[in-house]
Amino acid sequence: MLQRDGASLSDEVRPPPTNVDYLQFGVAFTGEYNLNPGAICPKDAIAPCILGSGGGVVARAGYRSRGPWYVGGAYEFNRIDTSSLMRLGVLQQLRGEMRYYYDLGVRTEPYFTSGLGGVAFGNEWGIETMGMSTFGGLGFEFQLSRENVVGAALVYRPVLLFGWTDRAQQHRDTGIAHFVGVDIVLEAREPLGSH
């Protein structure tokens, strides 16, 4: 390892430790792959499955501590494939989120993430049924600068939707759909004060 004035060059390129609390906010482009729609799409249904895979956008904001924690909220909407039973099937989610970062002393920080919230599903921003969702997953964040980060996350998301009768008069039982999601994240940090 190259040395200069008693310090290796690898030590010189490390980002300084975070000594400021931040408001961290941004957007993510997301894809949701439906592993299993559960009782929402029973095998004996006459109408096709109304809950498929999709993609959309997430807006989020939260508090990023000097330590390893991020706590915040997010609003997500996805256009979902509904087998043409809806003109524009939209799955909306409003949730609380947390991340636990692992400081490796470099610009890339991996993290564990989880959250809990409410969901609504319907045609063209309408609400035909509601429910709850939770998730857990892994991601990473890369610091472009002290105030800007990009990253990605892979999450598993079970979604509970309460039973309803859809527009094709097919009854959909209360059930849990299982999704795997991928987020491509663009976020900014606004310092709240130094310590």
C-alpha atoms as a PDB file:
ATOM      1  CA  MET A   1       0.000   0.000   0.000  1.00  0.00           C
ATOM      2  CA  LEU A   2       1.387   3.432  -0.903  1.00  0.00           C
ATOM      3  CA  GLN A   3       2.339   5.620   2.042  1.00  0.00           C
ATOM      4  CA  ARG A   4       2.473   9.405   2.373  1.00  0.00           C
ATOM      5  CA  ASP A   5       3.278  11.181   5.637  1.00  0.00           C
ATOM      6  CA  GLY A   6       2.628   8.008   7.629  1.00  0.00           C
ATOM      7  CA  ALA A   7      -0.887   7.380   6.233  1.00  0.00           C
ATOM      8  CA  SER A   8      -1.899   5.058   3.433  1.00  0.00           C
ATOM      9  CA  LEU A   9      -3.641   6.515   0.384  1.00  0.00           C
ATOM     10  CA  SER A  10      -6.664   4.302   1.077  1.00  0.00           C
ATOM     11  CA  ASP A  11      -7.119   6.163   4.397  1.00  0.00           C
ATOM     12  CA  GLU A  12      -7.117   9.516   2.572  1.00  0.00           C
ATOM     13  CA  VAL A  13     -10.001   8.676   0.227  1.00  0.00           C
ATOM     14  CA  ARG A  14     -12.363   7.493   2.936  1.00  0.00           C
ATOM     15  CA  PRO A  15     -15.328   9.799   3.483  1.00  0.00           C
ATOM     16  CA  PRO A  16     -15.344  11.637   6.805  1.00  0.00           C
ATOM     17  CA  PRO A  17     -17.601  10.142   9.499  1.00  0.00           C
ATOM     18  CA  THR A  18     -21.155  11.441   9.590  1.00  0.00           C
ATOM     19  CA  ASN A  19     -21.318  14.024  12.378  1.00  0.00           C
ATOM     20  CA  VAL A  20     -24.551  15.710  11.263  1.00  0.00           C
ATOM     21  CA  ASP A  21     -28.188  14.674  11.483  1.00  0.00           C
ATOM     22  CA  TYR A  22     -29.947  14.839   8.109  1.00  0.00           C
ATOM     23  CA  LEU A  23     -33.357  15.146   6.593  1.00  0.00           C
ATOM     24  CA  GLN A  24     -33.032  12.540   3.840  1.00  0.00           C
ATOM     25  CA  PHE A  25     -35.576  12.589   1.016  1.00  0.00           C
ATOM     26  CA  GLY A  26     -35.972  11.474  -2.561  1.00  0.00           C
ATOM     27  CA  VAL A  27     -37.621   9.144  -5.029  1.00  0.00           C
ATOM     28  CA  ALA A  28     -37.222   5.581  -6.167  1.00  0.00           C
ATOM     29  CA  PHE A  29     -38.302   3.769  -9.296  1.00  0.00           C
ATOM     30  CA  THR A  30     -39.715   0.408  -8.292  1.00  0.00           C
ATOM     31  CA  GLY A  31     -40.720  -2.881  -9.840  1.00  0.00           C
ATOM     32  CA  GLU A  32     -42.999  -5.356  -8.033  1.00  0.00           C
ATOM     33  CA  TYR A  33     -43.075  -9.002  -9.115  1.00  0.00           C
ATOM     34  CA  ASN A  34     -46.066 -10.984  -7.804  1.00  0.00           C
ATOM     35  CA  LEU A  35     -44.808 -14.372  -6.590  1.00  0.00           C
ATOM     36  CA  ASN A  36     -48.262 -15.566  -5.512  1.00  0.00           C
ATOM     37  CA  PRO A  37     -51.611 -13.678  -5.361  1.00  0.00           C
ATOM     38  CA  GLY A  38     -52.988 -16.052  -2.705  1.00  0.00           C
ATOM     39  CA  ALA A  39     -56.750 -16.230  -2.072  1.00  0.00           C
ATOM     40  CA  ILE A  40     -57.273 -13.015  -4.058  1.00  0.00           C
ATOM     41  CA  CYS A  41     -56.998 -15.118  -7.224  1.00  0.00           C
ATOM     42  CA  PRO A  42     -58.499 -18.549  -6.362  1.00  0.00           C
ATOM     43  CA  LYS A  43     -57.913 -21.423  -8.775  1.00  0.00           C
ATOM     44  CA  ASP A  44     -61.664 -21.919  -9.326  1.00  0.00           C
ATOM     45  CA  ALA A  45     -62.318 -18.265 -10.239  1.00  0.00           C
ATOM     46  CA  ILE A  46     -64.217 -17.598 -13.461  1.00  0.00           C
ATOM     47  CA  ALA A  47     -62.547 -14.216 -14.054  1.00  0.00           C
ATOM     48  CA  PRO A  48     -58.745 -14.037 -14.556  1.00  0.00           C
ATOM     49  CA  CYS A  49     -56.381 -12.923 -11.791  1.00  0.00           C
ATOM     50  CA  ILE A  50     -56.799  -9.236 -10.976  1.00  0.00           C
ATOM     51  CA  LEU A  51     -53.511  -8.798  -9.107  1.00  0.00           C
ATOM     52  CA  GLY A  52     -50.346  -9.223 -11.160  1.00  0.00           C
ATOM     53  CA  SER A  53     -46.913  -7.614 -11.279  1.00  0.00           C
ATOM     54  CA  GLY A  54     -46.207  -3.949 -11.943  1.00  0.00           C
ATOM     55  CA  GLY A  55     -44.009  -0.940 -11.457  1.00  0.00           C
ATOM     56  CA  GLY A  56     -44.150   2.610 -10.199  1.00  0.00           C
ATOM     57  CA  VAL A  57     -42.618   5.362  -8.104  1.00  0.00           C
ATOM     58  CA  VAL A  58     -41.894   5.845  -4.399  1.00  0.00           C
ATOM     59  CA  ALA A  59     -41.554   9.248  -2.670  1.00  0.00           C
ATOM     60  CA  ARG A  60     -39.938   9.136   0.764  1.00  0.00           C
ATOM     61  CA  ALA A  61     -38.536  11.376   3.481  1.00  0.00           C
ATOM     62  CA  GLY A  62     -37.073  10.703   6.885  1.00  0.00           C
ATOM     63  CA  TYR A  63     -34.518  11.356   9.580  1.00  0.00           C
ATOM     64  CA  ARG A  64     -30.966  10.036   9.046  1.00  0.00           C
ATOM     65  CA  SER A  65     -29.095   9.968  12.335  1.00  0.00           C
ATOM     66  CA  ARG A  66     -25.360  10.339  12.903  1.00  0.00           C
ATOM     67  CA  GLY A  67     -25.424   6.663  13.812  1.00  0.00           C
ATOM     68  CA  PRO A  68     -26.643   3.727  11.735  1.00  0.00           C
ATOM     69  CA  TRP A  69     -30.383   4.557  11.678  1.00  0.00           C
ATOM     70  CA  TYR A  70     -32.826   6.048   9.167  1.00  0.00           C
ATOM     71  CA  VAL A  71     -36.517   6.382  10.138  1.00  0.00           C
ATOM     72  CA  GLY A  72     -39.078   7.849   7.779  1.00  0.00           C
ATOM     73  CA  GLY A  73     -42.219   7.525   5.717  1.00  0.00           C
ATOM     74  CA  ALA A  74     -42.997   6.669   2.108  1.00  0.00           C
ATOM     75  CA  TYR A  75     -45.838   6.880  -0.396  1.00  0.00           C
ATOM     76  CA  GLU A  76     -45.688   4.375  -3.252  1.00  0.00           C
ATOM     77  CA  PHE A  77     -47.932   3.806  -6.234  1.00  0.00           C
ATOM     78  CA  ASN A  78     -47.651   0.967  -8.727  1.00  0.00           C
ATOM     79  CA  ARG A  79     -49.486   0.322 -11.951  1.00  0.00           C
ATOM     80  CA  ILE A  80     -50.502  -3.326 -11.579  1.00  0.00           C
ATOM     81  CA  ASP A  81     -51.384  -5.802 -14.335  1.00  0.00           C
ATOM     82  CA  THR A  82     -55.073  -6.664 -13.783  1.00  0.00           C
ATOM     83  CA  SER A  83     -55.637  -8.957 -16.804  1.00  0.00           C
ATOM     84  CA  SER A  84     -57.713  -6.136 -18.403  1.00  0.00           C
ATOM     85  CA  LEU A  85     -60.280  -6.196 -15.566  1.00  0.00           C
ATOM     86  CA  MET A  86     -59.395  -2.559 -14.801  1.00  0.00           C
ATOM     87  CA  ARG A  87     -58.418   0.234 -17.139  1.00  0.00           C
ATOM     88  CA  LEU A  88     -55.572   1.296 -14.831  1.00  0.00           C
ATOM     89  CA  GLY A  89     -55.056  -0.845 -11.751  1.00  0.00           C
ATOM     90  CA  VAL A  90     -53.207   1.121  -9.081  1.00  0.00           C
ATOM     91  CA  LEU A  91     -51.799  -0.284  -5.846  1.00  0.00           C
ATOM     92  CA  GLN A  92     -51.074   2.556  -3.404  1.00  0.00           C
ATOM     93  CA  GLN A  93     -49.043   2.184  -0.222  1.00  0.00           C
ATOM     94  CA  LEU A  94     -48.445   4.588   2.668  1.00  0.00           C
ATOM     95  CA  ARG A  95     -45.952   3.265   5.208  1.00  0.00           C
ATOM     96  CA  GLY A  96     -43.330   3.861   7.842  1.00  0.00           C
ATOM     97  CA  GLU A  97     -39.808   2.637   7.091  1.00  0.00           C
ATOM     98  CA  MET A  98     -36.488   2.097   8.815  1.00  0.00           C
ATOM     99  CA  ARG A  99     -32.973   1.283   7.699  1.00  0.00           C
ATOM    100  CA  TYR A 100     -29.987   0.042   9.655  1.00  0.00           C
ATOM    101  CA  TYR A 101     -26.704   0.919   7.925  1.00  0.00           C
ATOM    102  CA  TYR A 102     -23.427  -0.979   8.170  1.00  0.00           C
ATOM    103  CA  ASP A 103     -20.533   1.493   8.139  1.00  0.00           C
ATOM    104  CA  LEU A 104     -17.666  -0.008   6.162  1.00  0.00           C
ATOM    105  CA  GLY A 105     -15.662   3.229   6.135  1.00  0.00           C
ATOM    106  CA  VAL A 106     -16.174   3.705   2.387  1.00  0.00           C
ATOM    107  CA  ARG A 107     -18.691   5.566   0.228  1.00  0.00           C
ATOM    108  CA  THR A 108     -20.875   2.465  -0.211  1.00  0.00           C
ATOM    109  CA  GLU A 109     -22.988   1.515   2.804  1.00  0.00           C
ATOM    110  CA  PRO A 110     -25.125  -1.642   2.823  1.00  0.00           C
ATOM    111  CA  TYR A 111     -28.283  -1.619   4.934  1.00  0.00           C
ATOM    112  CA  PHE A 112     -31.149  -3.733   6.207  1.00  0.00           C
ATOM    113  CA  THR A 113     -34.593  -2.192   5.698  1.00  0.00           C
ATOM    114  CA  SER A 114     -38.109  -2.959   6.933  1.00  0.00           C
ATOM    115  CA  GLY A 115     -41.460  -1.255   7.298  1.00  0.00           C
ATOM    116  CA  LEU A 116     -45.204  -1.455   7.866  1.00  0.00           C
ATOM    117  CA  GLY A 117     -48.150   0.417   6.392  1.00  0.00           C
ATOM    118  CA  GLY A 118     -51.535   0.524   4.717  1.00  0.00           C
ATOM    119  CA  VAL A 119     -52.480  -0.233   1.100  1.00  0.00           C
ATOM    120  CA  ALA A 120     -55.342   0.610  -1.244  1.00  0.00           C
ATOM    121  CA  PHE A 121     -56.113  -1.044  -4.593  1.00  0.00           C
ATOM    122  CA  GLY A 122     -58.475   0.087  -7.314  1.00  0.00           C
ATOM    123  CA  ASN A 123     -59.069   1.428 -10.792  1.00  0.00           C
ATOM    124  CA  GLU A 124     -57.645   4.835 -11.796  1.00  0.00           C
ATOM    125  CA  TRP A 125     -56.769   5.975  -8.257  1.00  0.00           C
ATOM    126  CA  GLY A 126     -60.119   4.773  -6.912  1.00  0.00           C
ATOM    127  CA  ILE A 127     -60.262   2.441  -3.926  1.00  0.00           C
ATOM    128  CA  GLU A 128     -62.003  -0.924  -4.312  1.00  0.00           C
ATOM    129  CA  THR A 129     -60.277  -2.659  -1.413  1.00  0.00           C
ATOM    130  CA  MET A 130     -57.793  -1.832   1.328  1.00  0.00           C
ATOM    131  CA  GLY A 131     -55.366  -3.712   3.521  1.00  0.00           C
ATOM    132  CA  MET A 132     -51.937  -3.743   5.094  1.00  0.00           C
ATOM    133  CA  SER A 133     -48.387  -4.522   4.021  1.00  0.00           C
ATOM    134  CA  THR A 134     -45.016  -5.107   5.583  1.00  0.00           C
ATOM    135  CA  PHE A 135     -41.592  -5.705   4.086  1.00  0.00           C
ATOM    136  CA  GLY A 136     -38.003  -6.615   4.803  1.00  0.00           C
ATOM    137  CA  GLY A 137     -34.952  -6.530   2.616  1.00  0.00           C
ATOM    138  CA  LEU A 138     -31.399  -5.495   1.881  1.00  0.00           C
ATOM    139  CA  GLY A 139     -29.994  -2.525   0.020  1.00  0.00           C
ATOM    140  CA  PHE A 140     -27.000  -0.312  -0.436  1.00  0.00           C
ATOM    141  CA  GLU A 141     -26.345   3.413  -0.690  1.00  0.00           C
ATOM    142  CA  PHE A 142     -23.489   5.089  -2.584  1.00  0.00           C
ATOM    143  CA  GLN A 143     -22.497   8.665  -1.661  1.00  0.00           C
ATOM    144  CA  LEU A 144     -22.078  10.806  -4.757  1.00  0.00           C
ATOM    145  CA  SER A 145     -21.377  13.709  -2.399  1.00  0.00           C
ATOM    146  CA  ARG A 146     -22.059  14.569   1.231  1.00  0.00           C
ATOM    147  CA  GLU A 147     -25.643  15.567   0.286  1.00  0.00           C
ATOM    148  CA  ASN A 148     -26.519  13.174  -2.586  1.00  0.00           C
ATOM    149  CA  VAL A 149     -26.814   9.395  -2.654  1.00  0.00           C
ATOM    150  CA  VAL A 150     -27.937   6.711  -5.088  1.00  0.00           C
ATOM    151  CA  GLY A 151     -28.660   3.099  -4.335  1.00  0.00           C
ATOM    152  CA  ALA A 152     -30.793   0.023  -4.767  1.00  0.00           C
ATOM    153  CA  ALA A 153     -32.792  -2.333  -2.570  1.00  0.00           C
ATOM    154  CA  LEU A 154     -34.325  -5.780  -2.910  1.00  0.00           C
ATOM    155  CA  VAL A 155     -37.327  -6.459  -0.638  1.00  0.00           C
ATOM    156  CA  TYR A 156     -39.890  -9.150   0.092  1.00  0.00           C
ATOM    157  CA  ARG A 157     -43.357  -7.646   0.601  1.00  0.00           C
ATOM    158  CA  PRO A 158     -46.467  -9.576   1.750  1.00  0.00           C
ATOM    159  CA  VAL A 159     -49.653  -7.555   1.101  1.00  0.00           C
ATOM    160  CA  LEU A 160     -52.935  -8.349   2.877  1.00  0.00           C
ATOM    161  CA  LEU A 161     -56.023  -7.221   0.935  1.00  0.00           C
ATOM    162  CA  PHE A 162     -59.543  -7.530   2.366  1.00  0.00           C
ATOM    163  CA  GLY A 163     -62.181  -9.377   0.333  1.00  0.00           C
ATOM    164  CA  TRP A 164     -64.287  -7.561  -2.244  1.00  0.00           C
ATOM    165  CA  THR A 165     -66.311  -8.185  -5.429  1.00  0.00           C
ATOM    166  CA  ASP A 166     -64.585  -6.833  -8.538  1.00  0.00           C
ATOM    167  CA  ARG A 167     -66.103  -5.284 -11.673  1.00  0.00           C
ATOM    168  CA  ALA A 168     -66.402  -8.713 -13.319  1.00  0.00           C
ATOM    169  CA  GLN A 169     -68.607  -9.757 -10.341  1.00  0.00           C
ATOM    170  CA  GLN A 170     -65.909 -12.149  -9.195  1.00  0.00           C
ATOM    171  CA  HIS A 171     -65.661 -12.345  -5.419  1.00  0.00           C
ATOM    172  CA  ARG A 172     -62.088 -11.925  -4.211  1.00  0.00           C
ATOM    173  CA  ASP A 173     -61.424 -13.470  -0.819  1.00  0.00           C
ATOM    174  CA  THR A 174     -59.326 -11.799   1.838  1.00  0.00           C
ATOM    175  CA  GLY A 175     -55.790 -12.959   1.195  1.00  0.00           C
ATOM    176  CA  ILE A 176     -52.089 -12.263   1.274  1.00  0.00           C
ATOM    177  CA  ALA A 177     -50.251 -11.626  -1.995  1.00  0.00           C
ATOM    178  CA  HIS A 178     -46.494 -12.112  -1.999  1.00  0.00           C
ATOM    179  CA  PHE A 179     -44.297  -9.649  -3.915  1.00  0.00           C
ATOM    180  CA  VAL A 180     -40.588  -9.206  -4.510  1.00  0.00           C
ATOM    181  CA  GLY A 181     -39.663  -5.584  -5.171  1.00  0.00           C
ATOM    182  CA  VAL A 182     -36.602  -3.818  -6.565  1.00  0.00           C
ATOM    183  CA  ASP A 183     -36.014  -0.102  -5.905  1.00  0.00           C
ATOM    184  CA  ILE A 184     -33.563   2.171  -7.720  1.00  0.00           C
ATOM    185  CA  VAL A 185     -33.081   5.038  -5.259  1.00  0.00           C
ATOM    186  CA  LEU A 186     -32.123   8.721  -5.748  1.00  0.00           C
ATOM    187  CA  GLU A 187     -31.971  10.724  -2.506  1.00  0.00           C
ATOM    188  CA  ALA A 188     -30.669  13.995  -1.099  1.00  0.00           C
ATOM    189  CA  ARG A 189     -29.656  14.983   2.419  1.00  0.00           C
ATOM    190  CA  GLU A 190     -30.303  18.300   4.091  1.00  0.00           C
ATOM    191  CA  PRO A 191     -28.196  18.903   7.245  1.00  0.00           C
ATOM    192  CA  LEU A 192     -30.222  19.528  10.401  1.00  0.00           C
ATOM    193  CA  GLY A 193     -27.272  20.597  12.569  1.00  0.00           C
ATOM    194  CA  SER A 194     -23.833  19.473  13.703  1.00  0.00           C
ATOM    195  CA  HIS A 195     -22.840  17.949  17.030  1.00  0.00           C
END
